[in-house]
Amino acid sequence: MEVSAQIQQLRDIIQALSLSNADIARISGKSTGTVSQVMSEKYRGRAEVIGEILASLEAHKVRVETVMEESRAAWATGGQELITTVLALTYKTKGLSVIVGPSG
C-alpha cells in the first residue's frame, strides 16, 4: 500500500475515534514528534513506521468497538437486542426491514 493511502487510513481512524497526536503516540508506542511528522507527511525515517502506526490504530479501533458492543449488550433489553439483530442483518444483506411494535 502506498504511503498516501496509509496516511488517509490513519486520518480516517483518527477522525472516527477522535484521537489526538498524544493518544496516537501512546497507542502506537511512537513519539509525539514522529506522529506529528507522519501526519503532516514530513516523516523521513523508516518507511515501516507508518504501517506500524496504522496497524496499532486498527487494533485499537477493534478493541474500542468490541468494548462498545459489549457495553451496549450488557444494558440492552430483549427487544433492543432483537431490533439490533434485525437491523444488523438488514445492513449486511442490503435488504429492507420494517419493525412494527405496539402503539399507545
N, C-alpha and C. Protein backbone atom coordinates (compact mmCIF):
# COMPACT_ATOMS: atom_id res chain seq x y z
N MET A 1 0.85 -1.17 0.00
CA MET A 1 0.00 0.00 0.00
C MET A 1 0.90 1.24 0.00
N GLU A 2 0.55 2.22 -0.79
CA GLU A 2 1.39 3.41 -0.85
C GLU A 2 1.17 4.31 0.36
N VAL A 3 2.15 5.14 0.62
CA VAL A 3 2.17 5.95 1.83
C VAL A 3 0.95 6.86 1.94
N SER A 4 0.56 7.52 0.85
CA SER A 4 -0.58 8.44 0.92
C SER A 4 -1.87 7.70 1.28
N ALA A 5 -2.03 6.48 0.82
CA ALA A 5 -3.21 5.68 1.17
C ALA A 5 -3.17 5.30 2.65
N GLN A 6 -1.99 4.96 3.15
CA GLN A 6 -1.85 4.63 4.57
C GLN A 6 -2.17 5.84 5.44
N ILE A 7 -1.68 7.00 5.04
CA ILE A 7 -1.94 8.21 5.82
C ILE A 7 -3.43 8.56 5.80
N GLN A 8 -4.08 8.34 4.67
CA GLN A 8 -5.53 8.59 4.61
C GLN A 8 -6.27 7.63 5.53
N GLN A 9 -5.85 6.37 5.57
CA GLN A 9 -6.45 5.41 6.50
C GLN A 9 -6.23 5.85 7.94
N LEU A 10 -5.03 6.33 8.25
CA LEU A 10 -4.75 6.85 9.58
C LEU A 10 -5.70 7.99 9.92
N ARG A 11 -5.86 8.91 9.00
CA ARG A 11 -6.75 10.06 9.24
C ARG A 11 -8.18 9.62 9.47
N ASP A 12 -8.62 8.62 8.71
CA ASP A 12 -10.00 8.12 8.88
C ASP A 12 -10.20 7.53 10.27
N ILE A 13 -9.25 6.72 10.72
CA ILE A 13 -9.36 6.11 12.05
C ILE A 13 -9.27 7.18 13.14
N ILE A 14 -8.36 8.11 12.97
CA ILE A 14 -8.19 9.18 13.96
C ILE A 14 -9.47 9.99 14.09
N GLN A 15 -10.08 10.30 12.96
CA GLN A 15 -11.33 11.06 12.99
C GLN A 15 -12.45 10.25 13.62
N ALA A 16 -12.55 8.98 13.26
CA ALA A 16 -13.61 8.12 13.80
C ALA A 16 -13.52 7.98 15.32
N LEU A 17 -12.29 7.93 15.83
CA LEU A 17 -12.09 7.73 17.26
C LEU A 17 -11.76 9.02 18.02
N SER A 18 -11.69 10.15 17.31
CA SER A 18 -11.37 11.45 17.91
C SER A 18 -10.08 11.39 18.72
N LEU A 19 -9.01 10.95 18.08
CA LEU A 19 -7.73 10.80 18.77
C LEU A 19 -6.83 12.02 18.56
N SER A 20 -6.07 12.35 19.58
CA SER A 20 -5.06 13.41 19.48
C SER A 20 -3.72 12.76 19.10
N ASN A 21 -2.74 13.60 18.75
CA ASN A 21 -1.41 13.07 18.47
C ASN A 21 -0.84 12.36 19.69
N ALA A 22 -1.12 12.87 20.88
CA ALA A 22 -0.65 12.22 22.11
C ALA A 22 -1.29 10.84 22.27
N ASP A 23 -2.58 10.74 21.94
CA ASP A 23 -3.26 9.44 22.00
C ASP A 23 -2.62 8.45 21.02
N ILE A 24 -2.37 8.93 19.81
CA ILE A 24 -1.77 8.08 18.77
C ILE A 24 -0.39 7.61 19.22
N ALA A 25 0.40 8.52 19.80
CA ALA A 25 1.74 8.16 20.27
C ALA A 25 1.66 7.10 21.36
N ARG A 26 0.73 7.27 22.30
CA ARG A 26 0.57 6.31 23.40
C ARG A 26 0.16 4.94 22.86
N ILE A 27 -0.80 4.93 21.94
CA ILE A 27 -1.32 3.67 21.39
C ILE A 27 -0.26 2.95 20.56
N SER A 28 0.48 3.72 19.76
CA SER A 28 1.44 3.11 18.82
C SER A 28 2.83 2.90 19.41
N GLY A 29 3.12 3.55 20.55
CA GLY A 29 4.45 3.43 21.14
C GLY A 29 5.49 4.28 20.43
N LYS A 30 5.04 5.23 19.63
CA LYS A 30 5.94 6.14 18.93
C LYS A 30 5.95 7.48 19.66
N SER A 31 6.90 8.34 19.34
CA SER A 31 6.96 9.66 19.97
C SER A 31 5.92 10.58 19.33
N THR A 32 5.53 11.62 20.08
CA THR A 32 4.58 12.58 19.52
C THR A 32 5.19 13.31 18.33
N GLY A 33 6.50 13.51 18.35
CA GLY A 33 7.18 14.14 17.21
C GLY A 33 7.08 13.29 15.95
N THR A 34 7.29 12.00 16.10
CA THR A 34 7.17 11.09 14.96
C THR A 34 5.74 11.10 14.43
N VAL A 35 4.77 11.03 15.33
CA VAL A 35 3.36 11.04 14.92
C VAL A 35 3.04 12.34 14.17
N SER A 36 3.50 13.45 14.70
CA SER A 36 3.26 14.74 14.06
C SER A 36 3.87 14.79 12.65
N GLN A 37 5.09 14.30 12.52
CA GLN A 37 5.75 14.28 11.21
C GLN A 37 5.01 13.37 10.23
N VAL A 38 4.57 12.22 10.70
CA VAL A 38 3.83 11.29 9.83
C VAL A 38 2.54 11.94 9.35
N MET A 39 1.80 12.56 10.29
CA MET A 39 0.50 13.14 9.93
C MET A 39 0.63 14.35 9.01
N SER A 40 1.75 15.06 9.11
CA SER A 40 1.96 16.22 8.23
C SER A 40 2.71 15.81 6.95
N GLU A 41 2.94 14.51 6.79
CA GLU A 41 3.62 13.93 5.63
C GLU A 41 5.05 14.46 5.47
N LYS A 42 5.70 14.72 6.59
CA LYS A 42 7.09 15.19 6.58
C LYS A 42 8.05 14.17 7.17
N TYR A 43 7.56 12.98 7.49
CA TYR A 43 8.39 11.95 8.13
C TYR A 43 9.38 11.39 7.11
N ARG A 44 10.65 11.34 7.50
CA ARG A 44 11.71 10.84 6.60
C ARG A 44 12.45 9.65 7.19
N GLY A 45 11.88 9.01 8.20
CA GLY A 45 12.53 7.87 8.84
C GLY A 45 12.18 6.57 8.14
N ARG A 46 12.19 5.49 8.94
CA ARG A 46 11.89 4.17 8.40
C ARG A 46 10.49 4.13 7.78
N ALA A 47 10.40 3.59 6.58
CA ALA A 47 9.11 3.53 5.88
C ALA A 47 8.11 2.65 6.63
N GLU A 48 8.58 1.68 7.38
CA GLU A 48 7.68 0.75 8.08
C GLU A 48 6.93 1.42 9.23
N VAL A 49 7.42 2.56 9.71
CA VAL A 49 6.82 3.21 10.87
C VAL A 49 5.36 3.57 10.60
N ILE A 50 5.07 4.07 9.41
CA ILE A 50 3.69 4.44 9.08
C ILE A 50 2.79 3.21 9.15
N GLY A 51 3.24 2.11 8.62
CA GLY A 51 2.48 0.86 8.69
C GLY A 51 2.32 0.37 10.11
N GLU A 52 3.35 0.54 10.94
CA GLU A 52 3.26 0.13 12.34
C GLU A 52 2.23 0.97 13.09
N ILE A 53 2.23 2.28 12.84
CA ILE A 53 1.24 3.14 13.48
C ILE A 53 -0.16 2.76 13.03
N LEU A 54 -0.31 2.54 11.73
CA LEU A 54 -1.61 2.15 11.18
C LEU A 54 -2.09 0.84 11.80
N ALA A 55 -1.22 -0.15 11.88
CA ALA A 55 -1.60 -1.44 12.46
C ALA A 55 -2.02 -1.31 13.92
N SER A 56 -1.29 -0.49 14.67
CA SER A 56 -1.64 -0.33 16.08
C SER A 56 -2.97 0.40 16.24
N LEU A 57 -3.25 1.39 15.38
CA LEU A 57 -4.53 2.10 15.46
C LEU A 57 -5.69 1.21 15.02
N GLU A 58 -5.46 0.37 14.01
CA GLU A 58 -6.51 -0.56 13.59
C GLU A 58 -6.84 -1.54 14.71
N ALA A 59 -5.81 -2.04 15.39
CA ALA A 59 -6.04 -2.95 16.52
C ALA A 59 -6.76 -2.23 17.65
N HIS A 60 -6.39 -0.99 17.90
CA HIS A 60 -7.05 -0.19 18.94
C HIS A 60 -8.52 0.03 18.58
N LYS A 61 -8.79 0.32 17.32
CA LYS A 61 -10.17 0.54 16.87
C LYS A 61 -11.02 -0.71 17.10
N VAL A 62 -10.47 -1.87 16.81
CA VAL A 62 -11.19 -3.13 17.03
C VAL A 62 -11.48 -3.31 18.53
N ARG A 63 -10.48 -3.02 19.37
CA ARG A 63 -10.69 -3.13 20.83
C ARG A 63 -11.79 -2.18 21.30
N VAL A 64 -11.76 -0.94 20.81
CA VAL A 64 -12.77 0.05 21.20
C VAL A 64 -14.15 -0.42 20.75
N GLU A 65 -14.26 -0.89 19.51
CA GLU A 65 -15.55 -1.35 19.00
C GLU A 65 -16.07 -2.55 19.80
N THR A 66 -15.17 -3.44 20.20
CA THR A 66 -15.56 -4.61 20.99
C THR A 66 -16.09 -4.18 22.35
N VAL A 67 -15.38 -3.26 22.99
CA VAL A 67 -15.81 -2.78 24.30
C VAL A 67 -17.16 -2.07 24.19
N MET A 68 -17.32 -1.27 23.15
CA MET A 68 -18.59 -0.56 22.97
C MET A 68 -19.74 -1.54 22.75
N GLU A 69 -19.50 -2.56 21.95
CA GLU A 69 -20.53 -3.56 21.67
C GLU A 69 -20.88 -4.33 22.94
N GLU A 70 -19.86 -4.71 23.70
CA GLU A 70 -20.11 -5.44 24.94
C GLU A 70 -20.88 -4.59 25.94
N SER A 71 -20.56 -3.31 26.01
CA SER A 71 -21.27 -2.44 26.96
C SER A 71 -22.71 -2.21 26.52
N ARG A 72 -22.94 -2.11 25.21
CA ARG A 72 -24.32 -1.98 24.72
C ARG A 72 -25.11 -3.23 25.03
N ALA A 73 -24.50 -4.39 24.80
CA ALA A 73 -25.19 -5.66 25.03
C ALA A 73 -25.52 -5.85 26.51
N ALA A 74 -24.66 -5.36 27.38
CA ALA A 74 -24.88 -5.55 28.81
C ALA A 74 -26.12 -4.79 29.31
N TRP A 75 -26.47 -3.70 28.66
CA TRP A 75 -27.59 -2.87 29.11
C TRP A 75 -28.83 -3.00 28.23
N ALA A 76 -28.74 -3.75 27.15
CA ALA A 76 -29.86 -3.85 26.22
C ALA A 76 -30.96 -4.77 26.75
N THR A 77 -32.18 -4.40 26.46
CA THR A 77 -33.32 -5.27 26.79
C THR A 77 -33.48 -6.29 25.67
N GLY A 78 -34.34 -7.26 25.88
CA GLY A 78 -34.58 -8.28 24.86
C GLY A 78 -35.07 -7.67 23.56
N GLY A 79 -35.97 -6.70 23.66
CA GLY A 79 -36.48 -6.04 22.46
C GLY A 79 -35.41 -5.26 21.73
N GLN A 80 -34.54 -4.59 22.48
CA GLN A 80 -33.45 -3.84 21.86
C GLN A 80 -32.47 -4.77 21.15
N GLU A 81 -32.21 -5.92 21.77
CA GLU A 81 -31.32 -6.89 21.13
C GLU A 81 -31.92 -7.41 19.84
N LEU A 82 -33.22 -7.68 19.85
CA LEU A 82 -33.91 -8.16 18.65
C LEU A 82 -33.84 -7.12 17.54
N ILE A 83 -34.12 -5.88 17.87
CA ILE A 83 -34.08 -4.82 16.87
C ILE A 83 -32.67 -4.64 16.33
N THR A 84 -31.68 -4.67 17.19
CA THR A 84 -30.28 -4.54 16.77
C THR A 84 -29.90 -5.67 15.83
N THR A 85 -30.31 -6.88 16.15
CA THR A 85 -30.01 -8.04 15.29
C THR A 85 -30.67 -7.90 13.92
N VAL A 86 -31.94 -7.52 13.91
CA VAL A 86 -32.65 -7.36 12.64
C VAL A 86 -32.00 -6.27 11.80
N LEU A 87 -31.64 -5.15 12.42
CA LEU A 87 -31.01 -4.06 11.68
C LEU A 87 -29.63 -4.46 11.16
N ALA A 88 -28.87 -5.21 11.95
CA ALA A 88 -27.55 -5.67 11.51
C ALA A 88 -27.68 -6.60 10.31
N LEU A 89 -28.63 -7.51 10.37
CA LEU A 89 -28.84 -8.42 9.24
C LEU A 89 -29.30 -7.66 8.00
N THR A 90 -30.16 -6.68 8.20
CA THR A 90 -30.63 -5.86 7.08
C THR A 90 -29.46 -5.12 6.44
N TYR A 91 -28.59 -4.56 7.27
CA TYR A 91 -27.43 -3.84 6.77
C TYR A 91 -26.51 -4.78 5.99
N LYS A 92 -26.24 -5.96 6.54
CA LYS A 92 -25.33 -6.92 5.89
C LYS A 92 -25.89 -7.43 4.57
N THR A 93 -27.20 -7.63 4.49
CA THR A 93 -27.79 -8.17 3.27
C THR A 93 -28.28 -7.08 2.32
N LYS A 94 -28.14 -5.83 2.75
CA LYS A 94 -28.60 -4.68 1.97
C LYS A 94 -30.08 -4.81 1.64
N GLY A 95 -30.81 -5.35 2.59
CA GLY A 95 -32.24 -5.58 2.42
C GLY A 95 -33.05 -4.47 3.04
N LEU A 96 -34.32 -4.76 3.23
CA LEU A 96 -35.26 -3.80 3.83
C LEU A 96 -35.93 -4.47 4.99
N SER A 97 -36.04 -3.74 6.08
CA SER A 97 -36.72 -4.25 7.27
C SER A 97 -37.75 -3.24 7.73
N VAL A 98 -38.86 -3.77 8.19
CA VAL A 98 -39.87 -2.93 8.80
C VAL A 98 -40.13 -3.51 10.19
N ILE A 99 -39.90 -2.70 11.20
CA ILE A 99 -40.11 -3.16 12.56
C ILE A 99 -41.34 -2.45 13.09
N VAL A 100 -42.34 -3.24 13.42
CA VAL A 100 -43.59 -2.69 13.89
C VAL A 100 -43.84 -3.20 15.31
N GLY A 101 -44.20 -2.29 16.16
CA GLY A 101 -44.47 -2.67 17.55
C GLY A 101 -45.83 -2.15 17.96
N PRO A 102 -46.20 -2.47 19.17
CA PRO A 102 -47.50 -1.97 19.65
C PRO A 102 -47.47 -0.45 19.78
N SER A 103 -48.58 0.16 19.50
CA SER A 103 -48.65 1.62 19.67
C SER A 103 -49.43 1.93 20.92
N GLY A 104 -49.21 3.13 21.38
CA GLY A 104 -50.01 3.56 22.51
C GLY A 104 -49.29 3.63 23.74
